[in-house]
Amino acid sequence: MTKLKTDGRPEFRPNDYVVYPAHGVGRILTIEVQEIAGLKMELFVISFEKDKMTLRVPTAKADSVGMRSLSTPDIVGKALETLKGRARVKRAMWSRRAQEYEQKINSGDLVSIAEVVRDLHRNDDQREQSYSERQLYEAALERLTREVAAVDGVDEQRAAKKVDELLDCRAA
């Protein structure tokens, strides 16, 4: 569990799972000091195993880039509850809606990500999704599923099944 600093911000440690808004759930491998342009910088080394990616984030910039601890179980509950709601599809042009969906996904806010999943989910009897709709839906679904899995301490398949069941029961 992530401890809090004296100012109330999270104190991240190696092996903590964190959420980096643009990439989703990752795990801090280590905290290292590197010399960059003559300055010594302390960096979080974060692994995103699924994407086979390693990211280095200056520890001083973690807050400003929106890096955060995993959601609490009650926030996960709110996000999953959001999936049960009715899809809210605005009548704006697709390019505008796509931009809004992208912002929600990259915000790192789990409830906002769940809203995108809810709004873009299609049942078998509904019209086909466009390529860009499907891309946004899959990105949001993957972020949601990974965080649910990490918070619940289960594998991603089990978390995906839980999310699918909620989406399917909404359709019934």
N, C-alpha and C. Protein backbone atom coordinates (compact mmCIF):
# COMPACT_ATOMS: atom_id res chain seq x y z
N MET A 1 0.85 -1.19 0.00
CA MET A 1 0.00 0.00 0.00
C MET A 1 0.88 1.24 0.00
N THR A 2 0.50 2.24 -0.75
CA THR A 2 1.28 3.46 -0.86
C THR A 2 1.10 4.32 0.39
N LYS A 3 2.22 4.75 0.97
CA LYS A 3 2.15 5.65 2.12
C LYS A 3 1.95 7.07 1.62
N LEU A 4 1.54 7.96 2.54
CA LEU A 4 1.39 9.37 2.18
C LEU A 4 2.54 10.16 2.77
N LYS A 5 2.99 11.15 2.00
CA LYS A 5 4.01 12.07 2.51
C LYS A 5 3.34 13.00 3.52
N THR A 6 4.13 13.82 4.19
CA THR A 6 3.56 14.73 5.19
C THR A 6 2.60 15.73 4.57
N ASP A 7 2.77 16.05 3.28
CA ASP A 7 1.85 17.00 2.63
C ASP A 7 0.61 16.31 2.06
N GLY A 8 0.44 15.00 2.33
CA GLY A 8 -0.76 14.30 1.90
C GLY A 8 -0.65 13.66 0.52
N ARG A 9 0.45 13.90 -0.19
CA ARG A 9 0.62 13.29 -1.51
C ARG A 9 1.16 11.87 -1.33
N PRO A 10 0.89 11.00 -2.31
CA PRO A 10 1.37 9.63 -2.17
C PRO A 10 2.90 9.54 -2.26
N GLU A 11 3.45 8.63 -1.49
CA GLU A 11 4.88 8.34 -1.55
C GLU A 11 5.01 6.98 -2.24
N PHE A 12 5.55 6.99 -3.44
CA PHE A 12 5.65 5.76 -4.22
C PHE A 12 6.94 5.03 -3.90
N ARG A 13 6.86 3.71 -3.91
CA ARG A 13 8.01 2.86 -3.61
C ARG A 13 8.14 1.79 -4.69
N PRO A 14 9.32 1.18 -4.79
CA PRO A 14 9.47 0.06 -5.73
C PRO A 14 8.43 -1.03 -5.44
N ASN A 15 7.95 -1.63 -6.50
CA ASN A 15 6.91 -2.68 -6.50
C ASN A 15 5.49 -2.15 -6.31
N ASP A 16 5.32 -0.84 -6.09
CA ASP A 16 3.97 -0.28 -6.03
C ASP A 16 3.38 -0.25 -7.44
N TYR A 17 2.09 -0.53 -7.54
CA TYR A 17 1.38 -0.33 -8.80
C TYR A 17 0.91 1.11 -8.82
N VAL A 18 1.08 1.75 -9.96
CA VAL A 18 0.65 3.14 -10.12
C VAL A 18 -0.11 3.28 -11.43
N VAL A 19 -0.83 4.37 -11.56
CA VAL A 19 -1.53 4.67 -12.80
C VAL A 19 -0.88 5.91 -13.40
N TYR A 20 -0.37 5.75 -14.61
CA TYR A 20 0.17 6.88 -15.37
C TYR A 20 -0.90 7.19 -16.41
N PRO A 21 -1.49 8.40 -16.38
CA PRO A 21 -2.67 8.68 -17.19
C PRO A 21 -2.58 8.27 -18.67
N ALA A 22 -1.46 8.51 -19.31
CA ALA A 22 -1.37 8.21 -20.74
C ALA A 22 -1.14 6.74 -21.05
N HIS A 23 -0.79 5.94 -20.03
CA HIS A 23 -0.45 4.54 -20.30
C HIS A 23 -1.18 3.53 -19.43
N GLY A 24 -1.85 3.96 -18.39
CA GLY A 24 -2.58 3.04 -17.54
C GLY A 24 -1.76 2.51 -16.39
N VAL A 25 -2.03 1.26 -16.00
CA VAL A 25 -1.40 0.66 -14.81
C VAL A 25 0.00 0.16 -15.13
N GLY A 26 0.94 0.56 -14.28
CA GLY A 26 2.32 0.09 -14.38
C GLY A 26 2.84 -0.21 -12.99
N ARG A 27 4.01 -0.80 -12.92
CA ARG A 27 4.61 -1.13 -11.62
C ARG A 27 5.97 -0.46 -11.52
N ILE A 28 6.22 0.19 -10.40
CA ILE A 28 7.52 0.84 -10.19
C ILE A 28 8.55 -0.25 -9.95
N LEU A 29 9.55 -0.30 -10.82
CA LEU A 29 10.61 -1.29 -10.67
C LEU A 29 11.64 -0.82 -9.66
N THR A 30 12.03 0.44 -9.80
CA THR A 30 13.06 1.00 -8.94
C THR A 30 13.00 2.52 -8.99
N ILE A 31 13.73 3.14 -8.09
CA ILE A 31 13.91 4.59 -8.13
C ILE A 31 15.41 4.78 -8.30
N GLU A 32 15.78 5.45 -9.39
CA GLU A 32 17.20 5.60 -9.68
C GLU A 32 17.58 7.07 -9.83
N VAL A 33 18.85 7.34 -9.70
CA VAL A 33 19.37 8.69 -9.91
C VAL A 33 20.19 8.66 -11.19
N GLN A 34 19.86 9.56 -12.11
CA GLN A 34 20.61 9.68 -13.36
C GLN A 34 21.07 11.11 -13.53
N GLU A 35 22.17 11.25 -14.24
CA GLU A 35 22.64 12.59 -14.55
C GLU A 35 22.15 12.92 -15.95
N ILE A 36 21.35 13.98 -16.04
CA ILE A 36 20.79 14.41 -17.32
C ILE A 36 21.16 15.87 -17.52
N ALA A 37 21.88 16.13 -18.59
CA ALA A 37 22.34 17.49 -18.91
C ALA A 37 23.05 18.12 -17.71
N GLY A 38 23.87 17.33 -17.04
CA GLY A 38 24.64 17.85 -15.92
C GLY A 38 23.89 17.96 -14.60
N LEU A 39 22.62 17.60 -14.60
CA LEU A 39 21.83 17.66 -13.37
C LEU A 39 21.51 16.25 -12.90
N LYS A 40 21.63 16.03 -11.61
CA LYS A 40 21.24 14.72 -11.06
C LYS A 40 19.73 14.73 -10.83
N MET A 41 19.06 13.72 -11.38
CA MET A 41 17.61 13.62 -11.24
C MET A 41 17.24 12.26 -10.67
N GLU A 42 16.29 12.27 -9.75
CA GLU A 42 15.75 11.04 -9.21
C GLU A 42 14.55 10.66 -10.08
N LEU A 43 14.54 9.41 -10.54
CA LEU A 43 13.51 8.96 -11.48
C LEU A 43 12.82 7.69 -11.00
N PHE A 44 11.50 7.63 -11.21
CA PHE A 44 10.77 6.38 -11.03
C PHE A 44 10.96 5.60 -12.33
N VAL A 45 11.31 4.35 -12.24
CA VAL A 45 11.39 3.48 -13.41
C VAL A 45 10.15 2.60 -13.35
N ILE A 46 9.23 2.84 -14.29
CA ILE A 46 7.93 2.17 -14.27
C ILE A 46 7.83 1.22 -15.46
N SER A 47 7.43 0.00 -15.16
CA SER A 47 7.28 -1.01 -16.21
C SER A 47 5.80 -1.19 -16.53
N PHE A 48 5.51 -1.17 -17.83
CA PHE A 48 4.18 -1.48 -18.33
C PHE A 48 4.36 -2.79 -19.09
N GLU A 49 4.28 -3.91 -18.36
CA GLU A 49 4.62 -5.21 -18.92
C GLU A 49 3.82 -5.56 -20.15
N LYS A 50 2.53 -5.32 -20.12
CA LYS A 50 1.66 -5.69 -21.23
C LYS A 50 2.11 -4.98 -22.52
N ASP A 51 2.55 -3.74 -22.39
CA ASP A 51 2.98 -2.97 -23.55
C ASP A 51 4.47 -3.14 -23.84
N LYS A 52 5.15 -3.92 -22.99
CA LYS A 52 6.61 -4.10 -23.11
C LYS A 52 7.30 -2.75 -23.18
N MET A 53 6.96 -1.90 -22.19
CA MET A 53 7.46 -0.54 -22.19
C MET A 53 7.97 -0.19 -20.79
N THR A 54 9.05 0.57 -20.75
CA THR A 54 9.56 1.10 -19.49
C THR A 54 9.57 2.62 -19.60
N LEU A 55 9.08 3.27 -18.57
CA LEU A 55 8.99 4.72 -18.55
C LEU A 55 9.77 5.25 -17.36
N ARG A 56 10.50 6.33 -17.57
CA ARG A 56 11.21 6.98 -16.47
C ARG A 56 10.55 8.33 -16.23
N VAL A 57 10.11 8.52 -15.00
CA VAL A 57 9.40 9.75 -14.64
C VAL A 57 10.16 10.42 -13.50
N PRO A 58 10.56 11.69 -13.68
CA PRO A 58 11.22 12.38 -12.57
C PRO A 58 10.31 12.38 -11.35
N THR A 59 10.85 12.02 -10.18
CA THR A 59 10.03 11.93 -8.97
C THR A 59 9.36 13.26 -8.66
N ALA A 60 10.04 14.36 -8.97
CA ALA A 60 9.49 15.69 -8.69
C ALA A 60 8.31 16.03 -9.61
N LYS A 61 8.19 15.32 -10.74
CA LYS A 61 7.13 15.61 -11.71
C LYS A 61 5.96 14.63 -11.63
N ALA A 62 6.04 13.65 -10.75
CA ALA A 62 5.00 12.61 -10.69
C ALA A 62 3.61 13.21 -10.51
N ASP A 63 3.48 14.18 -9.60
CA ASP A 63 2.17 14.80 -9.38
C ASP A 63 1.69 15.58 -10.59
N SER A 64 2.59 16.38 -11.17
CA SER A 64 2.17 17.26 -12.26
C SER A 64 1.80 16.49 -13.53
N VAL A 65 2.34 15.28 -13.72
CA VAL A 65 1.95 14.48 -14.88
C VAL A 65 0.72 13.63 -14.58
N GLY A 66 0.24 13.67 -13.33
CA GLY A 66 -0.98 12.97 -12.98
C GLY A 66 -0.79 11.53 -12.52
N MET A 67 0.46 11.15 -12.25
CA MET A 67 0.70 9.79 -11.76
C MET A 67 0.02 9.64 -10.41
N ARG A 68 -0.66 8.51 -10.22
CA ARG A 68 -1.39 8.31 -8.97
C ARG A 68 -1.33 6.85 -8.54
N SER A 69 -1.73 6.63 -7.29
CA SER A 69 -1.86 5.27 -6.78
C SER A 69 -3.05 4.60 -7.44
N LEU A 70 -3.14 3.30 -7.32
CA LEU A 70 -4.32 2.59 -7.82
C LEU A 70 -5.56 3.14 -7.13
N SER A 71 -6.68 3.03 -7.80
CA SER A 71 -7.95 3.46 -7.20
C SER A 71 -8.27 2.61 -5.99
N THR A 72 -9.05 3.18 -5.10
CA THR A 72 -9.52 2.43 -3.94
C THR A 72 -10.64 1.49 -4.40
N PRO A 73 -10.92 0.44 -3.63
CA PRO A 73 -12.01 -0.46 -4.00
C PRO A 73 -13.36 0.25 -4.18
N ASP A 74 -13.61 1.33 -3.40
CA ASP A 74 -14.91 2.01 -3.59
C ASP A 74 -14.95 2.81 -4.89
N ILE A 75 -13.81 3.31 -5.35
CA ILE A 75 -13.79 3.99 -6.66
C ILE A 75 -13.98 2.96 -7.77
N VAL A 76 -13.37 1.78 -7.61
CA VAL A 76 -13.59 0.71 -8.58
C VAL A 76 -15.07 0.35 -8.60
N GLY A 77 -15.68 0.29 -7.43
CA GLY A 77 -17.12 0.00 -7.34
C GLY A 77 -17.95 1.03 -8.09
N LYS A 78 -17.60 2.33 -7.91
CA LYS A 78 -18.32 3.39 -8.64
C LYS A 78 -18.14 3.25 -10.14
N ALA A 79 -16.92 2.92 -10.56
CA ALA A 79 -16.65 2.75 -11.99
C ALA A 79 -17.47 1.58 -12.55
N LEU A 80 -17.51 0.48 -11.82
CA LEU A 80 -18.27 -0.69 -12.28
C LEU A 80 -19.77 -0.39 -12.27
N GLU A 81 -20.21 0.39 -11.30
CA GLU A 81 -21.62 0.80 -11.24
C GLU A 81 -21.96 1.68 -12.45
N THR A 82 -21.01 2.50 -12.88
CA THR A 82 -21.19 3.37 -14.05
C THR A 82 -21.50 2.53 -15.29
N LEU A 83 -20.88 1.36 -15.38
CA LEU A 83 -21.10 0.49 -16.54
C LEU A 83 -22.55 0.05 -16.67
N LYS A 84 -23.26 0.00 -15.54
CA LYS A 84 -24.65 -0.47 -15.55
C LYS A 84 -25.62 0.59 -16.07
N GLY A 85 -25.16 1.85 -16.10
CA GLY A 85 -26.03 2.94 -16.52
C GLY A 85 -26.33 2.92 -18.01
N ARG A 86 -27.22 3.81 -18.40
CA ARG A 86 -27.55 3.93 -19.83
C ARG A 86 -26.45 4.71 -20.54
N ALA A 87 -26.16 4.29 -21.76
CA ALA A 87 -25.15 4.99 -22.55
C ALA A 87 -25.63 6.40 -22.83
N ARG A 88 -24.71 7.34 -22.66
CA ARG A 88 -25.03 8.74 -22.95
C ARG A 88 -24.28 9.13 -24.22
N VAL A 89 -24.98 9.13 -25.31
CA VAL A 89 -24.35 9.48 -26.58
C VAL A 89 -24.82 10.87 -26.97
N LYS A 90 -23.88 11.77 -27.01
CA LYS A 90 -24.21 13.15 -27.39
C LYS A 90 -24.42 13.22 -28.89
N ARG A 91 -25.11 14.23 -29.31
CA ARG A 91 -25.41 14.40 -30.73
C ARG A 91 -24.35 15.21 -31.46
N ALA A 92 -23.25 15.48 -30.79
CA ALA A 92 -22.18 16.26 -31.42
C ALA A 92 -21.53 15.44 -32.53
N MET A 93 -20.76 16.10 -33.35
CA MET A 93 -20.05 15.41 -34.43
C MET A 93 -19.08 14.38 -33.83
N TRP A 94 -18.84 13.30 -34.59
CA TRP A 94 -17.99 12.24 -34.08
C TRP A 94 -16.60 12.74 -33.70
N SER A 95 -16.02 13.63 -34.48
CA SER A 95 -14.66 14.10 -34.18
C SER A 95 -14.62 14.78 -32.81
N ARG A 96 -15.64 15.53 -32.46
CA ARG A 96 -15.72 16.20 -31.16
C ARG A 96 -15.88 15.17 -30.04
N ARG A 97 -16.80 14.20 -30.25
CA ARG A 97 -17.01 13.16 -29.24
C ARG A 97 -15.75 12.32 -29.06
N ALA A 98 -15.09 11.97 -30.17
CA ALA A 98 -13.87 11.16 -30.11
C ALA A 98 -12.81 11.89 -29.28
N GLN A 99 -12.72 13.19 -29.47
CA GLN A 99 -11.76 14.00 -28.72
C GLN A 99 -12.09 13.95 -27.21
N GLU A 100 -13.36 14.07 -26.88
CA GLU A 100 -13.79 14.00 -25.48
C GLU A 100 -13.49 12.63 -24.88
N TYR A 101 -13.77 11.57 -25.65
CA TYR A 101 -13.49 10.22 -25.17
C TYR A 101 -12.00 10.04 -24.92
N GLU A 102 -11.19 10.52 -25.85
CA GLU A 102 -9.73 10.43 -25.72
C GLU A 102 -9.24 11.14 -24.46
N GLN A 103 -9.81 12.33 -24.20
CA GLN A 103 -9.44 13.08 -23.00
C GLN A 103 -9.81 12.31 -21.73
N LYS A 104 -10.99 11.70 -21.74
CA LYS A 104 -11.42 10.92 -20.57
C LYS A 104 -10.49 9.73 -20.35
N ILE A 105 -10.14 9.04 -21.42
CA ILE A 105 -9.24 7.88 -21.30
C ILE A 105 -7.90 8.32 -20.74
N ASN A 106 -7.35 9.40 -21.26
CA ASN A 106 -6.03 9.87 -20.85
C ASN A 106 -6.02 10.65 -19.55
N SER A 107 -7.22 10.91 -19.00
CA SER A 107 -7.29 11.61 -17.71
C SER A 107 -6.79 10.70 -16.59
N GLY A 108 -6.90 9.40 -16.81
CA GLY A 108 -6.51 8.45 -15.77
C GLY A 108 -7.59 8.25 -14.72
N ASP A 109 -8.69 8.98 -14.82
CA ASP A 109 -9.79 8.86 -13.86
C ASP A 109 -10.62 7.63 -14.20
N LEU A 110 -10.68 6.67 -13.29
CA LEU A 110 -11.32 5.38 -13.57
C LEU A 110 -12.80 5.50 -13.90
N VAL A 111 -13.51 6.39 -13.23
CA VAL A 111 -14.95 6.55 -13.50
C VAL A 111 -15.16 7.14 -14.90
N SER A 112 -14.32 8.09 -15.29
CA SER A 112 -14.40 8.66 -16.64
C SER A 112 -14.12 7.61 -17.70
N ILE A 113 -13.15 6.75 -17.44
CA ILE A 113 -12.81 5.67 -18.37
C ILE A 113 -14.00 4.71 -18.48
N ALA A 114 -14.64 4.42 -17.35
CA ALA A 114 -15.82 3.54 -17.35
C ALA A 114 -16.96 4.17 -18.16
N GLU A 115 -17.09 5.49 -18.12
CA GLU A 115 -18.11 6.18 -18.92
C GLU A 115 -17.87 5.95 -20.41
N VAL A 116 -16.62 6.00 -20.83
CA VAL A 116 -16.29 5.76 -22.24
C VAL A 116 -16.65 4.33 -22.61
N VAL A 117 -16.31 3.37 -21.75
CA VAL A 117 -16.64 1.96 -22.02
C VAL A 117 -18.15 1.82 -22.15
N ARG A 118 -18.87 2.39 -21.20
CA ARG A 118 -20.35 2.31 -21.21
C ARG A 118 -20.92 2.92 -22.49
N ASP A 119 -20.45 4.11 -22.84
CA ASP A 119 -21.02 4.83 -23.99
C ASP A 119 -20.68 4.19 -25.33
N LEU A 120 -19.54 3.53 -25.43
CA LEU A 120 -19.12 2.95 -26.71
C LEU A 120 -19.41 1.44 -26.82
N HIS A 121 -19.89 0.82 -25.73
CA HIS A 121 -20.18 -0.62 -25.77
C HIS A 121 -21.33 -0.91 -26.74
N ARG A 122 -21.15 -1.94 -27.54
CA ARG A 122 -22.20 -2.36 -28.48
C ARG A 122 -22.58 -3.80 -28.20
N ASN A 123 -23.87 -4.06 -28.19
CA ASN A 123 -24.35 -5.45 -28.08
C ASN A 123 -24.37 -6.04 -29.48
N ASP A 124 -24.52 -7.34 -29.55
CA ASP A 124 -24.53 -8.01 -30.85
C ASP A 124 -25.63 -7.51 -31.77
N ASP A 125 -26.76 -7.09 -31.19
CA ASP A 125 -27.89 -6.66 -32.02
C ASP A 125 -27.82 -5.18 -32.42
N GLN A 126 -26.79 -4.48 -31.97
CA GLN A 126 -26.68 -3.06 -32.32
C GLN A 126 -25.79 -2.88 -33.54
N ARG A 127 -25.86 -1.69 -34.11
CA ARG A 127 -25.10 -1.42 -35.33
C ARG A 127 -23.60 -1.58 -35.09
N GLU A 128 -22.89 -1.81 -36.16
CA GLU A 128 -21.45 -2.02 -36.13
C GLU A 128 -20.72 -0.74 -35.72
N GLN A 129 -19.60 -0.87 -35.02
CA GLN A 129 -18.80 0.29 -34.66
C GLN A 129 -17.84 0.63 -35.79
N SER A 130 -17.53 1.92 -35.89
CA SER A 130 -16.50 2.33 -36.84
C SER A 130 -15.15 1.92 -36.27
N TYR A 131 -14.13 1.96 -37.10
CA TYR A 131 -12.78 1.59 -36.66
C TYR A 131 -12.33 2.47 -35.50
N SER A 132 -12.55 3.78 -35.61
CA SER A 132 -12.08 4.69 -34.54
C SER A 132 -12.88 4.50 -33.26
N GLU A 133 -14.17 4.21 -33.37
CA GLU A 133 -14.98 3.91 -32.17
C GLU A 133 -14.44 2.66 -31.47
N ARG A 134 -14.16 1.63 -32.26
CA ARG A 134 -13.67 0.38 -31.70
C ARG A 134 -12.31 0.58 -31.03
N GLN A 135 -11.43 1.39 -31.65
CA GLN A 135 -10.11 1.66 -31.08
C GLN A 135 -10.25 2.34 -29.71
N LEU A 136 -11.10 3.35 -29.62
CA LEU A 136 -11.31 4.06 -28.36
C LEU A 136 -11.93 3.13 -27.31
N TYR A 137 -12.92 2.35 -27.74
CA TYR A 137 -13.57 1.42 -26.83
C TYR A 137 -12.57 0.43 -26.26
N GLU A 138 -11.75 -0.16 -27.13
CA GLU A 138 -10.78 -1.16 -26.68
C GLU A 138 -9.72 -0.55 -25.76
N ALA A 139 -9.30 0.69 -26.06
CA ALA A 139 -8.31 1.36 -25.20
C ALA A 139 -8.90 1.59 -23.81
N ALA A 140 -10.15 2.08 -23.77
CA ALA A 140 -10.81 2.35 -22.48
C ALA A 140 -11.05 1.05 -21.72
N LEU A 141 -11.50 0.03 -22.43
CA LEU A 141 -11.79 -1.26 -21.81
C LEU A 141 -10.51 -1.87 -21.21
N GLU A 142 -9.41 -1.77 -21.94
CA GLU A 142 -8.14 -2.31 -21.45
C GLU A 142 -7.67 -1.57 -20.20
N ARG A 143 -7.77 -0.24 -20.20
CA ARG A 143 -7.35 0.54 -19.02
C ARG A 143 -8.21 0.17 -17.81
N LEU A 144 -9.52 0.10 -18.02
CA LEU A 144 -10.45 -0.24 -16.94
C LEU A 144 -10.15 -1.64 -16.40
N THR A 145 -10.02 -2.59 -17.30
CA THR A 145 -9.79 -3.98 -16.91
C THR A 145 -8.48 -4.14 -16.15
N ARG A 146 -7.42 -3.50 -16.61
CA ARG A 146 -6.13 -3.61 -15.93
C ARG A 146 -6.17 -3.07 -14.51
N GLU A 147 -6.86 -1.93 -14.35
CA GLU A 147 -6.91 -1.36 -13.00
C GLU A 147 -7.81 -2.19 -12.08
N VAL A 148 -8.93 -2.66 -12.60
CA VAL A 148 -9.81 -3.53 -11.80
C VAL A 148 -9.03 -4.78 -11.38
N ALA A 149 -8.27 -5.35 -12.30
CA ALA A 149 -7.48 -6.55 -11.99
C ALA A 149 -6.45 -6.25 -10.90
N ALA A 150 -5.75 -5.13 -11.03
CA ALA A 150 -4.71 -4.78 -10.05
C ALA A 150 -5.31 -4.50 -8.67
N VAL A 151 -6.43 -3.79 -8.62
CA VAL A 151 -7.05 -3.46 -7.34
C VAL A 151 -7.64 -4.72 -6.69
N ASP A 152 -8.30 -5.56 -7.50
CA ASP A 152 -8.93 -6.78 -6.96
C ASP A 152 -7.92 -7.90 -6.72
N GLY A 153 -6.70 -7.74 -7.24
CA GLY A 153 -5.69 -8.77 -7.07
C GLY A 153 -5.99 -10.04 -7.86
N VAL A 154 -6.61 -9.87 -9.04
CA VAL A 154 -6.93 -11.01 -9.90
C VAL A 154 -6.24 -10.82 -11.25
N ASP A 155 -6.28 -11.86 -12.08
CA ASP A 155 -5.68 -11.70 -13.41
C ASP A 155 -6.63 -10.91 -14.31
N GLU A 156 -6.09 -10.46 -15.44
CA GLU A 156 -6.89 -9.60 -16.32
C GLU A 156 -8.08 -10.32 -16.93
N GLN A 157 -7.96 -11.64 -17.17
CA GLN A 157 -9.10 -12.39 -17.74
C GLN A 157 -10.29 -12.37 -16.79
N ARG A 158 -10.02 -12.55 -15.50
CA ARG A 158 -11.11 -12.55 -14.53
C ARG A 158 -11.74 -11.15 -14.43
N ALA A 159 -10.90 -10.13 -14.45
CA ALA A 159 -11.42 -8.75 -14.41
C ALA A 159 -12.23 -8.45 -15.67
N ALA A 160 -11.76 -8.91 -16.82
CA ALA A 160 -12.47 -8.69 -18.08
C ALA A 160 -13.84 -9.38 -18.05
N LYS A 161 -13.86 -10.58 -17.47
CA LYS A 161 -15.13 -11.32 -17.36
C LYS A 161 -16.12 -10.55 -16.49
N LYS A 162 -15.63 -10.00 -15.39
CA LYS A 162 -16.47 -9.20 -14.48
C LYS A 162 -17.06 -7.99 -15.21
N VAL A 163 -16.22 -7.29 -15.97
CA VAL A 163 -16.67 -6.11 -16.73
C VAL A 163 -17.68 -6.53 -17.81
N ASP A 164 -17.37 -7.60 -18.54
CA ASP A 164 -18.28 -8.09 -19.59
C ASP A 164 -19.65 -8.46 -19.03
N GLU A 165 -19.65 -9.12 -17.87
CA GLU A 165 -20.92 -9.52 -17.25
C GLU A 165 -21.76 -8.29 -16.91
N LEU A 166 -21.13 -7.24 -16.41
CA LEU A 166 -21.87 -6.02 -16.08
C LEU A 166 -22.44 -5.36 -17.34
N LEU A 167 -21.64 -5.34 -18.40
CA LEU A 167 -22.11 -4.75 -19.66
C LEU A 167 -23.23 -5.59 -20.27
N ASP A 168 -23.12 -6.90 -20.17
CA ASP A 168 -24.15 -7.79 -20.73
C ASP A 168 -25.45 -7.72 -19.94
N CYS A 169 -25.35 -7.63 -18.60
CA CYS A 169 -26.59 -7.60 -17.79
C CYS A 169 -27.33 -6.28 -18.02
N ARG A 170 -26.60 -5.25 -18.39
CA ARG A 170 -27.24 -3.96 -18.69
C ARG A 170 -28.11 -4.09 -19.93
N ALA A 171 -27.65 -4.91 -20.87
CA ALA A 171 -28.38 -5.07 -22.14
C ALA A 171 -29.64 -5.91 -21.98
N ALA A 172 -29.64 -6.77 -20.98
CA ALA A 172 -30.77 -7.71 -20.82
C ALA A 172 -32.05 -7.02 -20.42
